[in-house]
Amino acid sequence: MSDIIHRFKVGQTVEIQPSKLRRAVAGRYAITQLLPCDWNDPQYRLKSEDEKHERIVPERDLSSVA
């Protein structure tokens, strides 16, 4: 069992860090679900108002929105 804690909470707004490997719409995403860790990195299910689908993104690729 992992002792790693999710830094973000359901309902919180975050931004996805740019990546050459991920095509994501720029802007804010709402966290809809906390997911298990992958390689000691918590994961999240995110939804943008500008996309019809949800995304699964590791915590290392997210930043909080002030």
PDB file of N, CA and C in Angstrom:
ATOM      1  N   MET A   1       0.841  -1.182   0.000  1.00  0.00           N
ATOM      2  CA  MET A   1       0.000   0.000   0.000  1.00  0.00           C
ATOM      3  C   MET A   1       0.884   1.243   0.000  1.00  0.00           C
ATOM      4  N   SER A   2       0.501   2.233  -0.775  1.00  0.00           N
ATOM      5  CA  SER A   2       1.302   3.438  -0.924  1.00  0.00           C
ATOM      6  C   SER A   2       0.882   4.503   0.091  1.00  0.00           C
ATOM      7  N   ASP A   3       1.860   5.258   0.582  1.00  0.00           N
ATOM      8  CA  ASP A   3       1.587   6.358   1.505  1.00  0.00           C
ATOM      9  C   ASP A   3       1.556   7.696   0.784  1.00  0.00           C
ATOM     10  N   ILE A   4       1.575   7.670  -0.528  1.00  0.00           N
ATOM     11  CA  ILE A   4       1.588   8.904  -1.316  1.00  0.00           C
ATOM     12  C   ILE A   4       0.206   9.549  -1.258  1.00  0.00           C
ATOM     13  N   ILE A   5       0.192  10.855  -1.046  1.00  0.00           N
ATOM     14  CA  ILE A   5      -1.057  11.608  -0.928  1.00  0.00           C
ATOM     15  C   ILE A   5      -1.238  12.494  -2.152  1.00  0.00           C
ATOM     16  N   HIS A   6      -2.465  12.555  -2.653  1.00  0.00           N
ATOM     17  CA  HIS A   6      -2.785  13.450  -3.767  1.00  0.00           C
ATOM     18  C   HIS A   6      -2.678  14.898  -3.288  1.00  0.00           C
ATOM     19  N   ARG A   7      -2.019  15.720  -4.076  1.00  0.00           N
ATOM     20  CA  ARG A   7      -1.831  17.136  -3.747  1.00  0.00           C
ATOM     21  C   ARG A   7      -3.077  17.960  -4.056  1.00  0.00           C
ATOM     22  N   PHE A   8      -3.834  17.538  -5.070  1.00  0.00           N
ATOM     23  CA  PHE A   8      -5.033  18.255  -5.502  1.00  0.00           C
ATOM     24  C   PHE A   8      -6.283  17.489  -5.074  1.00  0.00           C
ATOM     25  N   LYS A   9      -7.417  18.169  -5.059  1.00  0.00           N
ATOM     26  CA  LYS A   9      -8.681  17.587  -4.612  1.00  0.00           C
ATOM     27  C   LYS A   9      -9.715  17.622  -5.741  1.00  0.00           C
ATOM     28  N   VAL A  10     -10.731  16.763  -5.639  1.00  0.00           N
ATOM     29  CA  VAL A  10     -11.836  16.764  -6.595  1.00  0.00           C
ATOM     30  C   VAL A  10     -12.497  18.135  -6.565  1.00  0.00           C
ATOM     31  N   GLY A  11     -12.781  18.678  -7.743  1.00  0.00           N
ATOM     32  CA  GLY A  11     -13.395  19.996  -7.870  1.00  0.00           C
ATOM     33  C   GLY A  11     -12.398  21.124  -8.029  1.00  0.00           C
ATOM     34  N   GLN A  12     -11.137  20.879  -7.715  1.00  0.00           N
ATOM     35  CA  GLN A  12     -10.099  21.908  -7.829  1.00  0.00           C
ATOM     36  C   GLN A  12      -9.783  22.148  -9.304  1.00  0.00           C
ATOM     37  N   THR A  13      -9.407  23.379  -9.637  1.00  0.00           N
ATOM     38  CA  THR A  13      -9.034  23.737 -10.995  1.00  0.00           C
ATOM     39  C   THR A  13      -7.526  23.736 -11.139  1.00  0.00           C
ATOM     40  N   VAL A  14      -7.039  23.105 -12.210  1.00  0.00           N
ATOM     41  CA  VAL A  14      -5.604  22.996 -12.465  1.00  0.00           C
ATOM     42  C   VAL A  14      -5.323  23.288 -13.935  1.00  0.00           C
ATOM     43  N   GLU A  15      -4.048  23.433 -14.255  1.00  0.00           N
ATOM     44  CA  GLU A  15      -3.605  23.567 -15.637  1.00  0.00           C
ATOM     45  C   GLU A  15      -2.654  22.420 -15.947  1.00  0.00           C
ATOM     46  N   ILE A  16      -2.678  21.954 -17.193  1.00  0.00           N
ATOM     47  CA  ILE A  16      -1.771  20.903 -17.637  1.00  0.00           C
ATOM     48  C   ILE A  16      -0.516  21.552 -18.195  1.00  0.00           C
ATOM     49  N   GLN A  17       0.639  21.068 -17.768  1.00  0.00           N
ATOM     50  CA  GLN A  17       1.912  21.568 -18.279  1.00  0.00           C
ATOM     51  C   GLN A  17       2.059  21.159 -19.744  1.00  0.00           C
ATOM     52  N   PRO A  18       2.562  22.040 -20.595  1.00  0.00           N
ATOM     53  CA  PRO A  18       2.753  21.708 -22.006  1.00  0.00           C
ATOM     54  C   PRO A  18       3.679  20.507 -22.180  1.00  0.00           C
ATOM     55  N   SER A  19       3.395  19.699 -23.190  1.00  0.00           N
ATOM     56  CA  SER A  19       4.211  18.527 -23.475  1.00  0.00           C
ATOM     57  C   SER A  19       4.132  18.215 -24.961  1.00  0.00           C
ATOM     58  N   LYS A  20       5.243  17.782 -25.520  1.00  0.00           N
ATOM     59  CA  LYS A  20       5.253  17.376 -26.927  1.00  0.00           C
ATOM     60  C   LYS A  20       4.498  16.072 -27.127  1.00  0.00           C
ATOM     61  N   LEU A  21       4.371  15.295 -26.060  1.00  0.00           N
ATOM     62  CA  LEU A  21       3.722  13.992 -26.161  1.00  0.00           C
ATOM     63  C   LEU A  21       2.215  14.044 -25.931  1.00  0.00           C
ATOM     64  N   ARG A  22       1.690  15.174 -25.470  1.00  0.00           N
ATOM     65  CA  ARG A  22       0.273  15.276 -25.160  1.00  0.00           C
ATOM     66  C   ARG A  22      -0.337  16.455 -25.905  1.00  0.00           C
ATOM     67  N   ARG A  23      -1.383  16.175 -26.610  1.00  0.00           N
ATOM     68  CA  ARG A  23      -2.121  17.248 -27.268  1.00  0.00           C
ATOM     69  C   ARG A  23      -3.309  17.599 -26.388  1.00  0.00           C
ATOM     70  N   ALA A  24      -3.207  18.686 -25.691  1.00  0.00           N
ATOM     71  CA  ALA A  24      -4.273  19.105 -24.785  1.00  0.00           C
ATOM     72  C   ALA A  24      -4.678  20.535 -25.092  1.00  0.00           C
ATOM     73  N   VAL A  25      -5.950  20.805 -24.943  1.00  0.00           N
ATOM     74  CA  VAL A  25      -6.449  22.155 -25.110  1.00  0.00           C
ATOM     75  C   VAL A  25      -5.894  23.002 -23.974  1.00  0.00           C
ATOM     76  N   ALA A  26      -5.345  24.151 -24.307  1.00  0.00           N
ATOM     77  CA  ALA A  26      -4.826  25.049 -23.278  1.00  0.00           C
ATOM     78  C   ALA A  26      -5.978  25.567 -22.429  1.00  0.00           C
ATOM     79  N   GLY A  27      -5.687  25.809 -21.189  1.00  0.00           N
ATOM     80  CA  GLY A  27      -6.710  26.353 -20.309  1.00  0.00           C
ATOM     81  C   GLY A  27      -6.840  25.577 -19.028  1.00  0.00           C
ATOM     82  N   ARG A  28      -7.936  25.793 -18.364  1.00  0.00           N
ATOM     83  CA  ARG A  28      -8.152  25.208 -17.046  1.00  0.00           C
ATOM     84  C   ARG A  28      -8.944  23.916 -17.142  1.00  0.00           C
ATOM     85  N   TYR A  29      -8.617  23.021 -16.217  1.00  0.00           N
ATOM     86  CA  TYR A  29      -9.282  21.727 -16.134  1.00  0.00           C
ATOM     87  C   TYR A  29      -9.769  21.520 -14.703  1.00  0.00           C
ATOM     88  N   ALA A  30     -10.949  20.948 -14.564  1.00  0.00           N
ATOM     89  CA  ALA A  30     -11.471  20.609 -13.244  1.00  0.00           C
ATOM     90  C   ALA A  30     -11.145  19.155 -12.949  1.00  0.00           C
ATOM     91  N   ILE A  31     -10.711  18.880 -11.739  1.00  0.00           N
ATOM     92  CA  ILE A  31     -10.445  17.506 -11.327  1.00  0.00           C
ATOM     93  C   ILE A  31     -11.771  16.846 -11.003  1.00  0.00           C
ATOM     94  N   THR A  32     -12.046  15.719 -11.679  1.00  0.00           N
ATOM     95  CA  THR A  32     -13.304  15.010 -11.471  1.00  0.00           C
ATOM     96  C   THR A  32     -13.138  13.747 -10.638  1.00  0.00           C
ATOM     97  N   GLN A  33     -11.906  13.218 -10.568  1.00  0.00           N
ATOM     98  CA  GLN A  33     -11.694  11.992  -9.805  1.00  0.00           C
ATOM     99  C   GLN A  33     -10.218  11.820  -9.469  1.00  0.00           C
ATOM    100  N   LEU A  34      -9.937  11.326  -8.262  1.00  0.00           N
ATOM    101  CA  LEU A  34      -8.585  10.954  -7.868  1.00  0.00           C
ATOM    102  C   LEU A  34      -8.380   9.500  -8.275  1.00  0.00           C
ATOM    103  N   LEU A  35      -7.230   9.211  -8.874  1.00  0.00           N
ATOM    104  CA  LEU A  35      -6.926   7.859  -9.332  1.00  0.00           C
ATOM    105  C   LEU A  35      -5.703   7.323  -8.604  1.00  0.00           C
ATOM    106  N   PRO A  36      -5.499   6.016  -8.647  1.00  0.00           N
ATOM    107  CA  PRO A  36      -4.321   5.430  -7.989  1.00  0.00           C
ATOM    108  C   PRO A  36      -3.019   5.957  -8.580  1.00  0.00           C
ATOM    109  N   CYS A  37      -1.961   5.758  -7.837  1.00  0.00           N
ATOM    110  CA  CYS A  37      -0.630   6.184  -8.262  1.00  0.00           C
ATOM    111  C   CYS A  37      -0.101   5.279  -9.363  1.00  0.00           C
ATOM    112  N   ASP A  38       0.673   5.874 -10.246  1.00  0.00           N
ATOM    113  CA  ASP A  38       1.379   5.144 -11.281  1.00  0.00           C
ATOM    114  C   ASP A  38       2.854   5.497 -11.123  1.00  0.00           C
ATOM    115  N   TRP A  39       3.682   4.526 -10.747  1.00  0.00           N
ATOM    116  CA  TRP A  39       5.106   4.768 -10.514  1.00  0.00           C
ATOM    117  C   TRP A  39       5.302   5.863  -9.475  1.00  0.00           C
ATOM    118  N   ASN A  40       4.569   5.779  -8.372  1.00  0.00           N
ATOM    119  CA  ASN A  40       4.676   6.715  -7.245  1.00  0.00           C
ATOM    120  C   ASN A  40       4.259   8.135  -7.595  1.00  0.00           C
ATOM    121  N   ASP A  41       3.440   8.295  -8.615  1.00  0.00           N
ATOM    122  CA  ASP A  41       2.948   9.615  -9.013  1.00  0.00           C
ATOM    123  C   ASP A  41       1.419   9.553  -9.046  1.00  0.00           C
ATOM    124  N   PRO A  42       0.729  10.272  -8.153  1.00  0.00           N
ATOM    125  CA  PRO A  42      -0.731  10.264  -8.165  1.00  0.00           C
ATOM    126  C   PRO A  42      -1.270  10.696  -9.528  1.00  0.00           C
ATOM    127  N   GLN A  43      -2.416  10.139  -9.896  1.00  0.00           N
ATOM    128  CA  GLN A  43      -3.041  10.485 -11.169  1.00  0.00           C
ATOM    129  C   GLN A  43      -4.431  11.061 -10.918  1.00  0.00           C
ATOM    130  N   TYR A  44      -4.908  11.806 -11.913  1.00  0.00           N
ATOM    131  CA  TYR A  44      -6.195  12.493 -11.803  1.00  0.00           C
ATOM    132  C   TYR A  44      -6.969  12.351 -13.108  1.00  0.00           C
ATOM    133  N   ARG A  45      -8.287  12.328 -12.975  1.00  0.00           N
ATOM    134  CA  ARG A  45      -9.167  12.417 -14.145  1.00  0.00           C
ATOM    135  C   ARG A  45      -9.597  13.879 -14.207  1.00  0.00           C
ATOM    136  N   LEU A  46      -9.412  14.506 -15.379  1.00  0.00           N
ATOM    137  CA  LEU A  46      -9.681  15.931 -15.566  1.00  0.00           C
ATOM    138  C   LEU A  46     -10.699  16.152 -16.668  1.00  0.00           C
ATOM    139  N   LYS A  47     -11.411  17.282 -16.581  1.00  0.00           N
ATOM    140  CA  LYS A  47     -12.370  17.662 -17.612  1.00  0.00           C
ATOM    141  C   LYS A  47     -12.240  19.148 -17.885  1.00  0.00           C
ATOM    142  N   SER A  48     -12.153  19.470 -19.167  1.00  0.00           N
ATOM    143  CA  SER A  48     -12.136  20.864 -19.605  1.00  0.00           C
ATOM    144  C   SER A  48     -13.508  21.203 -20.191  1.00  0.00           C
ATOM    145  N   GLU A  49     -13.942  22.437 -20.018  1.00  0.00           N
ATOM    146  CA  GLU A  49     -15.200  22.868 -20.634  1.00  0.00           C
ATOM    147  C   GLU A  49     -15.094  22.890 -22.156  1.00  0.00           C
ATOM    148  N   ASP A  50     -13.870  22.938 -22.684  1.00  0.00           N
ATOM    149  CA  ASP A  50     -13.651  23.045 -24.118  1.00  0.00           C
ATOM    150  C   ASP A  50     -13.498  21.697 -24.819  1.00  0.00           C
ATOM    151  N   GLU A  51     -13.580  20.592 -24.082  1.00  0.00           N
ATOM    152  CA  GLU A  51     -13.444  19.254 -24.662  1.00  0.00           C
ATOM    153  C   GLU A  51     -14.615  18.386 -24.224  1.00  0.00           C
ATOM    154  N   LYS A  52     -14.976  17.437 -25.066  1.00  0.00           N
ATOM    155  CA  LYS A  52     -16.084  16.531 -24.740  1.00  0.00           C
ATOM    156  C   LYS A  52     -15.625  15.371 -23.864  1.00  0.00           C
ATOM    157  N   HIS A  53     -14.356  15.029 -23.922  1.00  0.00           N
ATOM    158  CA  HIS A  53     -13.845  13.869 -23.192  1.00  0.00           C
ATOM    159  C   HIS A  53     -13.062  14.293 -21.956  1.00  0.00           C
ATOM    160  N   GLU A  54     -12.790  13.326 -21.098  1.00  0.00           N
ATOM    161  CA  GLU A  54     -11.960  13.561 -19.928  1.00  0.00           C
ATOM    162  C   GLU A  54     -10.559  13.036 -20.198  1.00  0.00           C
ATOM    163  N   ARG A  55      -9.611  13.485 -19.414  1.00  0.00           N
ATOM    164  CA  ARG A  55      -8.212  13.067 -19.548  1.00  0.00           C
ATOM    165  C   ARG A  55      -7.723  12.485 -18.234  1.00  0.00           C
ATOM    166  N   ILE A  56      -6.742  11.594 -18.325  1.00  0.00           N
ATOM    167  CA  ILE A  56      -6.049  11.090 -17.148  1.00  0.00           C
ATOM    168  C   ILE A  56      -4.628  11.621 -17.214  1.00  0.00           C
ATOM    169  N   VAL A  57      -4.236  12.347 -16.167  1.00  0.00           N
ATOM    170  CA  VAL A  57      -2.954  13.046 -16.172  1.00  0.00           C
ATOM    171  C   VAL A  57      -2.253  12.819 -14.830  1.00  0.00           C
ATOM    172  N   PRO A  58      -0.933  12.543 -14.861  1.00  0.00           N
ATOM    173  CA  PRO A  58      -0.195  12.393 -13.608  1.00  0.00           C
ATOM    174  C   PRO A  58       0.025  13.752 -12.936  1.00  0.00           C
ATOM    175  N   GLU A  59       0.186  13.713 -11.631  1.00  0.00           N
ATOM    176  CA  GLU A  59       0.344  14.940 -10.839  1.00  0.00           C
ATOM    177  C   GLU A  59       1.548  15.764 -11.299  1.00  0.00           C
ATOM    178  N   ARG A  60       2.616  15.122 -11.728  1.00  0.00           N
ATOM    179  CA  ARG A  60       3.826  15.854 -12.126  1.00  0.00           C
ATOM    180  C   ARG A  60       3.564  16.798 -13.311  1.00  0.00           C
ATOM    181  N   ASP A  61       2.475  16.560 -14.059  1.00  0.00           N
ATOM    182  CA  ASP A  61       2.158  17.388 -15.224  1.00  0.00           C
ATOM    183  C   ASP A  61       1.100  18.449 -14.928  1.00  0.00           C
ATOM    184  N   LEU A  62       0.759  18.645 -13.668  1.00  0.00           N
ATOM    185  CA  LEU A  62      -0.276  19.610 -13.297  1.00  0.00           C
ATOM    186  C   LEU A  62       0.296  20.742 -12.459  1.00  0.00           C
ATOM    187  N   SER A  63      -0.353  21.892 -12.575  1.00  0.00           N
ATOM    188  CA  SER A  63      -0.021  23.021 -11.697  1.00  0.00           C
ATOM    189  C   SER A  63      -1.328  23.639 -11.208  1.00  0.00           C
ATOM    190  N   SER A  64      -1.285  24.195 -10.014  1.00  0.00           N
ATOM    191  CA  SER A  64      -2.490  24.791  -9.448  1.00  0.00           C
ATOM    192  C   SER A  64      -2.770  26.131 -10.096  1.00  0.00           C
ATOM    193  N   VAL A  65      -4.031  26.521 -10.045  1.00  0.00           N
ATOM    194  CA  VAL A  65      -4.467  27.808 -10.586  1.00  0.00           C
ATOM    195  C   VAL A  65      -4.770  28.707  -9.406  1.00  0.00           C
ATOM    196  N   ALA A  66      -4.173  29.898  -9.401  1.00  0.00           N
ATOM    197  CA  ALA A  66      -4.356  30.820  -8.279  1.00  0.00           C
ATOM    198  C   ALA A  66      -5.750  31.391  -8.242  1.00  0.00           C
TER     199      ALA A  66
END
